Protein backbone atom coordinates (compact mmCIF):
# COMPACT_ATOMS: atom_id res chain seq x y z
CA MET A 1 -66.49 3.53 8.59
CA LEU A 2 -66.64 2.53 4.91
CA GLY A 3 -66.42 6.18 3.90
CA PHE A 4 -63.33 6.64 6.06
CA ILE A 5 -61.66 3.54 4.60
CA LEU A 6 -62.37 4.63 1.01
CA ALA A 7 -61.11 8.15 1.76
CA PHE A 8 -57.95 6.76 3.39
CA ILE A 9 -57.20 4.49 0.43
CA SER A 10 -57.94 7.24 -2.10
CA LEU A 11 -55.76 9.87 -0.43
CA SER A 12 -52.95 7.37 -0.01
CA LEU A 13 -53.28 6.55 -3.72
CA THR A 14 -52.84 10.26 -4.49
CA LEU A 15 -49.48 10.27 -2.69
CA ILE A 16 -48.41 6.94 -4.19
CA ILE A 17 -49.12 8.19 -7.73
CA HIS A 18 -47.11 11.34 -6.99
CA GLU A 19 -44.06 9.33 -5.95
CA TRP A 20 -44.60 6.91 -8.83
CA GLY A 21 -44.20 9.82 -11.25
CA HIS A 22 -40.83 10.75 -9.77
CA PHE A 23 -39.82 7.07 -9.76
CA LEU A 24 -40.72 6.35 -13.39
CA PHE A 25 -38.90 9.37 -14.80
CA ALA A 26 -35.83 8.75 -12.64
CA ARG A 27 -35.68 5.16 -13.89
CA LYS A 28 -36.29 6.26 -17.48
CA PHE A 29 -33.26 8.55 -17.32
CA LYS A 30 -31.18 5.83 -15.59
CA VAL A 31 -30.89 7.72 -12.31
CA ARG A 32 -30.27 5.41 -9.39
CA VAL A 33 -33.34 4.79 -7.25
CA ASP A 34 -32.52 3.03 -3.99
CA GLU A 35 -36.09 2.41 -2.83
CA PHE A 36 -39.72 2.78 -3.75
CA GLY A 37 -41.94 2.15 -0.77
CA ILE A 38 -45.65 1.99 -0.03
CA GLY A 39 -46.28 3.68 3.32
CA TYR A 40 -43.58 4.99 5.64
CA PRO A 41 -41.00 3.18 7.82
CA PRO A 42 -40.47 1.06 9.80
CA ARG A 43 -40.30 -1.48 7.00
CA LEU A 44 -42.51 -4.57 7.12
CA PHE A 45 -41.10 -6.47 4.15
CA SER A 46 -39.36 -5.79 0.86
CA ILE A 47 -37.96 -7.28 -2.31
CA LYS A 48 -35.03 -6.07 -4.39
CA LYS A 49 -35.23 -6.06 -8.17
CA ASN A 50 -32.90 -4.42 -10.69
CA GLY A 51 -31.13 -2.56 -7.90
CA VAL A 52 -34.32 -1.07 -6.42
CA VAL A 53 -35.78 -2.04 -3.06
CA TYR A 54 -39.58 -2.24 -3.27
CA SER A 55 -40.94 -2.06 0.25
CA VAL A 56 -44.19 -2.14 2.19
CA ASN A 57 -43.97 -0.16 5.40
CA ALA A 58 -45.74 -0.07 8.75
CA ILE A 59 -47.34 3.36 8.45
CA PRO A 60 -49.97 2.59 5.78
CA PHE A 61 -50.29 6.00 4.17
CA GLY A 62 -48.53 7.52 1.19
CA ALA A 63 -45.29 6.43 -0.39
CA LEU A 64 -41.61 7.25 -0.63
CA THR A 65 -39.05 7.37 -3.43
CA SER A 66 -35.36 7.39 -2.56
CA ILE A 67 -33.57 8.88 -5.57
CA TYR A 68 -29.79 9.04 -5.33
CA GLU A 69 -28.90 12.72 -5.66
CA GLY A 70 -25.10 12.53 -5.34
CA ASP A 71 -22.66 15.38 -4.83
CA LYS A 72 -23.22 18.54 -6.84
CA LYS A 73 -19.49 19.21 -7.23
CA ASN A 74 -18.53 15.67 -8.21
CA PRO A 75 -21.72 13.89 -9.28
CA GLU A 76 -21.63 10.22 -10.28
CA ASN A 77 -23.12 9.28 -13.62
CA ASP A 78 -26.19 7.63 -12.10
CA SER A 79 -26.92 10.47 -9.67
CA PHE A 80 -29.64 13.12 -9.97
CA TYR A 81 -27.15 16.00 -10.04
CA ALA A 82 -25.26 14.47 -12.97
CA GLN A 83 -28.27 14.79 -15.26
CA SER A 84 -29.00 17.55 -17.75
CA PHE A 85 -31.26 20.45 -16.84
CA LEU A 86 -34.15 18.96 -18.82
CA LYS A 87 -33.91 15.54 -17.20
CA LYS A 88 -33.74 16.99 -13.68
CA PHE A 89 -36.67 19.26 -14.50
CA LEU A 90 -38.78 16.35 -15.77
CA ILE A 91 -37.99 14.14 -12.76
CA LEU A 92 -39.14 16.90 -10.40
CA PHE A 93 -42.09 17.92 -12.59
CA ALA A 94 -43.38 14.35 -12.99
CA GLY A 95 -44.73 13.88 -9.46
CA PRO A 96 -47.25 16.75 -9.63
CA LEU A 97 -47.91 15.90 -13.29
CA PHE A 98 -49.14 12.44 -12.32
CA ASN A 99 -51.47 14.02 -9.74
CA PHE A 100 -52.79 16.35 -12.43
CA LEU A 101 -53.39 13.39 -14.76
CA LEU A 102 -55.17 11.49 -11.98
CA ALA A 103 -57.51 14.46 -11.48
CA TYR A 104 -58.02 14.72 -15.25
CA PHE A 105 -59.04 11.07 -15.62
CA ILE A 106 -61.34 11.31 -12.59
CA PHE A 107 -63.17 14.27 -14.13
CA ILE A 108 -63.39 12.53 -17.51
CA LEU A 109 -65.14 9.67 -15.72
CA LEU A 110 -67.44 12.02 -13.81
CA PHE A 111 -68.45 13.98 -16.91
CA THR A 112 -69.24 10.63 -18.55
CA VAL A 113 -71.44 9.30 -15.72
CA GLY A 114 -72.63 12.65 -14.36
CA MET A 115 -71.02 15.25 -12.10
CA PRO A 116 -72.46 15.80 -8.59
CA GLN A 117 -74.25 19.11 -9.11
CA ASN A 118 -74.41 20.46 -5.57
CA LEU A 119 -70.63 20.22 -5.09
CA ILE A 120 -69.74 22.58 -7.95
CA PRO A 121 -69.32 26.15 -6.62
CA GLU A 122 -71.49 28.84 -8.23
CA SER A 123 -68.34 30.79 -9.10
CA PHE A 124 -67.52 28.06 -11.66
CA GLY A 125 -70.44 29.23 -13.78
CA ALA A 126 -72.72 27.00 -15.89
CA ILE A 127 -70.96 23.64 -16.20
CA PRO A 128 -72.73 20.67 -17.84
CA LEU A 129 -73.16 17.75 -15.46
CA LYS A 130 -72.99 15.05 -18.13
CA VAL A 131 -71.76 14.92 -21.70
CA PRO A 132 -71.29 12.16 -24.31
CA PHE A 133 -68.19 10.09 -23.58
CA TYR A 134 -66.33 11.48 -26.60
CA LEU A 135 -66.73 15.04 -25.26
CA ALA A 136 -65.77 14.15 -21.68
CA PRO A 137 -61.99 14.64 -22.19
CA ILE A 138 -62.59 18.16 -23.55
CA LYS A 139 -65.03 19.11 -20.81
CA ALA A 140 -62.71 17.70 -18.15
CA LEU A 141 -59.87 19.85 -19.48
CA GLU A 142 -62.12 22.91 -19.53
CA PHE A 143 -63.19 22.17 -15.96
CA LEU A 144 -59.56 21.91 -14.85
CA GLY A 145 -58.92 25.30 -16.45
CA VAL A 146 -61.76 26.82 -14.41
CA LEU A 147 -60.48 25.01 -11.33
CA LEU A 148 -56.99 26.44 -11.92
CA ARG A 149 -58.40 29.97 -12.11
CA GLU A 150 -60.39 29.50 -8.90
CA THR A 151 -57.37 27.91 -7.21
CA PHE A 152 -55.15 30.92 -7.86
CA ILE A 153 -57.91 33.27 -6.70
CA GLY A 154 -58.15 31.21 -3.53
CA LEU A 155 -54.38 31.13 -3.05
CA GLY A 156 -54.28 34.91 -3.34
CA ARG A 157 -56.97 35.25 -0.71
CA LEU A 158 -55.22 32.76 1.57
CA ALA A 159 -51.91 34.62 1.21
CA VAL A 160 -53.52 37.95 2.10
CA ASN A 161 -55.34 36.48 5.10
CA PHE A 162 -52.24 34.69 6.36
CA PHE A 163 -49.55 37.32 5.88
CA LEU A 164 -51.66 40.34 6.82
CA ARG A 165 -53.94 38.84 9.47
CA LEU A 166 -52.29 35.52 10.43
CA ASP A 167 -55.64 33.95 9.61
CA ILE A 168 -55.48 30.20 8.88
CA SER A 169 -59.22 29.56 9.05
CA GLU A 170 -59.42 28.70 5.34
CA LEU A 171 -56.40 26.40 5.35
CA VAL A 172 -57.14 22.68 5.54
CA GLY A 173 -54.62 20.02 6.60
CA PRO A 174 -54.60 16.20 6.52
CA VAL A 175 -57.24 15.89 9.25
CA GLY A 176 -59.63 18.23 7.44
CA ILE A 177 -59.00 16.57 4.09
CA MET A 178 -59.72 13.14 5.60
CA ALA A 179 -62.91 14.43 7.23
CA ILE A 180 -64.20 16.05 4.01
CA SER A 181 -63.27 13.01 1.89
CA SER A 182 -64.86 10.56 4.34
CA LYS A 183 -68.11 12.50 4.32
CA ALA A 184 -68.09 12.63 0.51
CA PHE A 185 -67.51 8.87 0.13
CA THR A 186 -70.21 8.22 2.74
CA MET A 187 -72.71 10.09 0.54
CA ASN A 188 -71.83 8.12 -2.62
CA ILE A 189 -68.91 7.15 -4.82
CA LYS A 190 -69.37 10.07 -7.25
CA TYR A 191 -69.09 12.61 -4.44
CA GLY A 192 -65.98 10.84 -3.17
CA LEU A 193 -64.36 10.79 -6.60
CA TYR A 194 -65.16 14.47 -7.12
CA ILE A 195 -63.41 15.42 -3.85
CA LEU A 196 -60.50 13.10 -4.71
CA GLY A 197 -60.13 14.85 -8.08
CA ILE A 198 -60.14 18.27 -6.40
CA ILE A 199 -57.55 17.12 -3.85
CA SER A 200 -55.28 15.52 -6.46
CA PHE A 201 -55.44 18.67 -8.60
CA GLY A 202 -54.78 20.86 -5.55
CA PHE A 203 -51.82 18.68 -4.54
CA ALA A 204 -50.34 19.02 -8.03
CA THR A 205 -50.81 22.79 -8.05
CA PHE A 206 -49.39 23.23 -4.57
CA ASN A 207 -46.30 21.17 -5.39
CA TRP A 208 -45.68 23.18 -8.55
CA LEU A 209 -45.54 26.44 -6.59
CA PRO A 210 -42.00 27.90 -6.43
CA ILE A 211 -41.71 27.32 -2.68
CA PRO A 212 -38.48 25.78 -1.33
CA ALA A 213 -38.90 22.22 0.01
CA LEU A 214 -41.57 21.53 -2.64
CA ASP A 215 -41.01 20.19 -6.16
CA GLY A 216 -41.67 23.67 -7.53
CA GLY A 217 -39.04 25.11 -5.21
CA ARG A 218 -36.45 22.66 -6.44
CA ILE A 219 -37.39 23.50 -10.02
CA LEU A 220 -36.91 27.18 -9.11
CA PHE A 221 -33.34 26.44 -8.04
CA LEU A 222 -32.75 24.66 -11.36
CA LEU A 223 -34.03 27.72 -13.25
CA ILE A 224 -31.84 30.07 -11.20
CA GLU A 225 -28.81 27.95 -11.97
CA LYS A 226 -29.73 27.82 -15.65
CA ILE A 227 -30.16 31.60 -15.89
CA GLN A 228 -27.03 32.57 -13.97
CA ARG A 229 -25.02 29.63 -15.37
CA LYS A 230 -23.71 28.93 -11.92
CA GLU A 231 -24.74 26.29 -9.42
CA VAL A 232 -26.35 27.22 -6.14
CA SER A 233 -24.20 25.49 -3.54
CA GLN A 234 -25.62 22.26 -2.19
CA ALA A 235 -25.28 23.54 1.38
CA THR A 236 -27.21 26.73 0.58
CA GLU A 237 -30.00 24.87 -1.23
CA ASN A 238 -30.30 22.32 1.58
CA ALA A 239 -30.34 25.03 4.24
CA ILE A 240 -33.11 27.00 2.49
CA ASN A 241 -35.17 23.85 1.83
CA ASN A 242 -34.80 22.64 5.41
CA PHE A 243 -35.70 26.06 6.86
CA VAL A 244 -38.85 26.37 4.76
CA PHE A 245 -39.75 22.75 5.47
CA ILE A 246 -39.64 23.45 9.21
CA LEU A 247 -41.84 26.52 8.72
CA LEU A 248 -44.32 24.42 6.73
CA LEU A 249 -44.34 21.78 9.49
CA ILE A 250 -45.05 24.45 12.12
CA LEU A 251 -47.85 25.87 9.96
CA MET A 252 -49.24 22.36 9.43
CA LEU A 253 -49.21 21.79 13.20
CA PHE A 254 -51.40 24.85 13.80
CA VAL A 255 -53.69 23.92 10.89
CA THR A 256 -54.03 20.37 12.23
CA ILE A 257 -54.95 21.66 15.70
CA LYS A 258 -57.56 23.91 14.09
CA ASP A 259 -58.91 21.02 11.99
CA VAL A 260 -59.13 18.68 14.99
CA ARG A 261 -61.10 21.27 16.94
CA PHE A 262 -63.41 21.97 14.01
CA PHE A 263 -63.97 18.53 12.46
CA ILE A 264 -63.63 16.22 15.48
CA PHE A 265 -64.66 18.23 18.54
CA LYS A 266 -67.17 20.43 16.75
CA ASP A 267 -70.42 20.77 18.67
């Protein structure tokens, strides 16, 4: 039970930090933020400060940031669409960036106290388990570089398996992530932190992918508009994002069913 609680808190923290990145950059650029909430509605209680509602919600997982986007054709000064390309890019980029930084600091800590050896895949090569604290930031960055390489290799394999064979056996959803994290935290805190670092890095990488409905997809629309010097209509962008979001939800449903069968009802 303790492992499950620690995994639940850690994974929720990953989502909170993601939204906190969007929130901080939006506020820095004076974009209106209507709400920053811990968990998901219905709302339990809230306070309002400097125009922002800070809420705690009934579903105790993750977080939400309500940034005022405005109308693309006639954007108000404090809206997202009224900002420059760079500011919009940074607001969208910041969420995954904060997840990347979380993973980075976790691996700095682990290289300082000692990495869990039997969790590092052989494909990563010879990686030191412990280094002096002053070398830990460098080793953590090197490790993230190796992890990035392995992530893209894995994504390529997943894409081939999915699009050519409709094989989702290697995909893991929230249920699988919770099961793996709970088991890791049950073993010891270092194992749990290692899995949390992998998940936070994976969440950052996934959200940076140029897929509509994700942060990377929205950045892709910004780049298209910048290159062609013409805005993609708000209706078109919303339609594409909503369509892909529905597809992702359907995929997540099948992955969740697979995870429940494997992790919960496994013999």
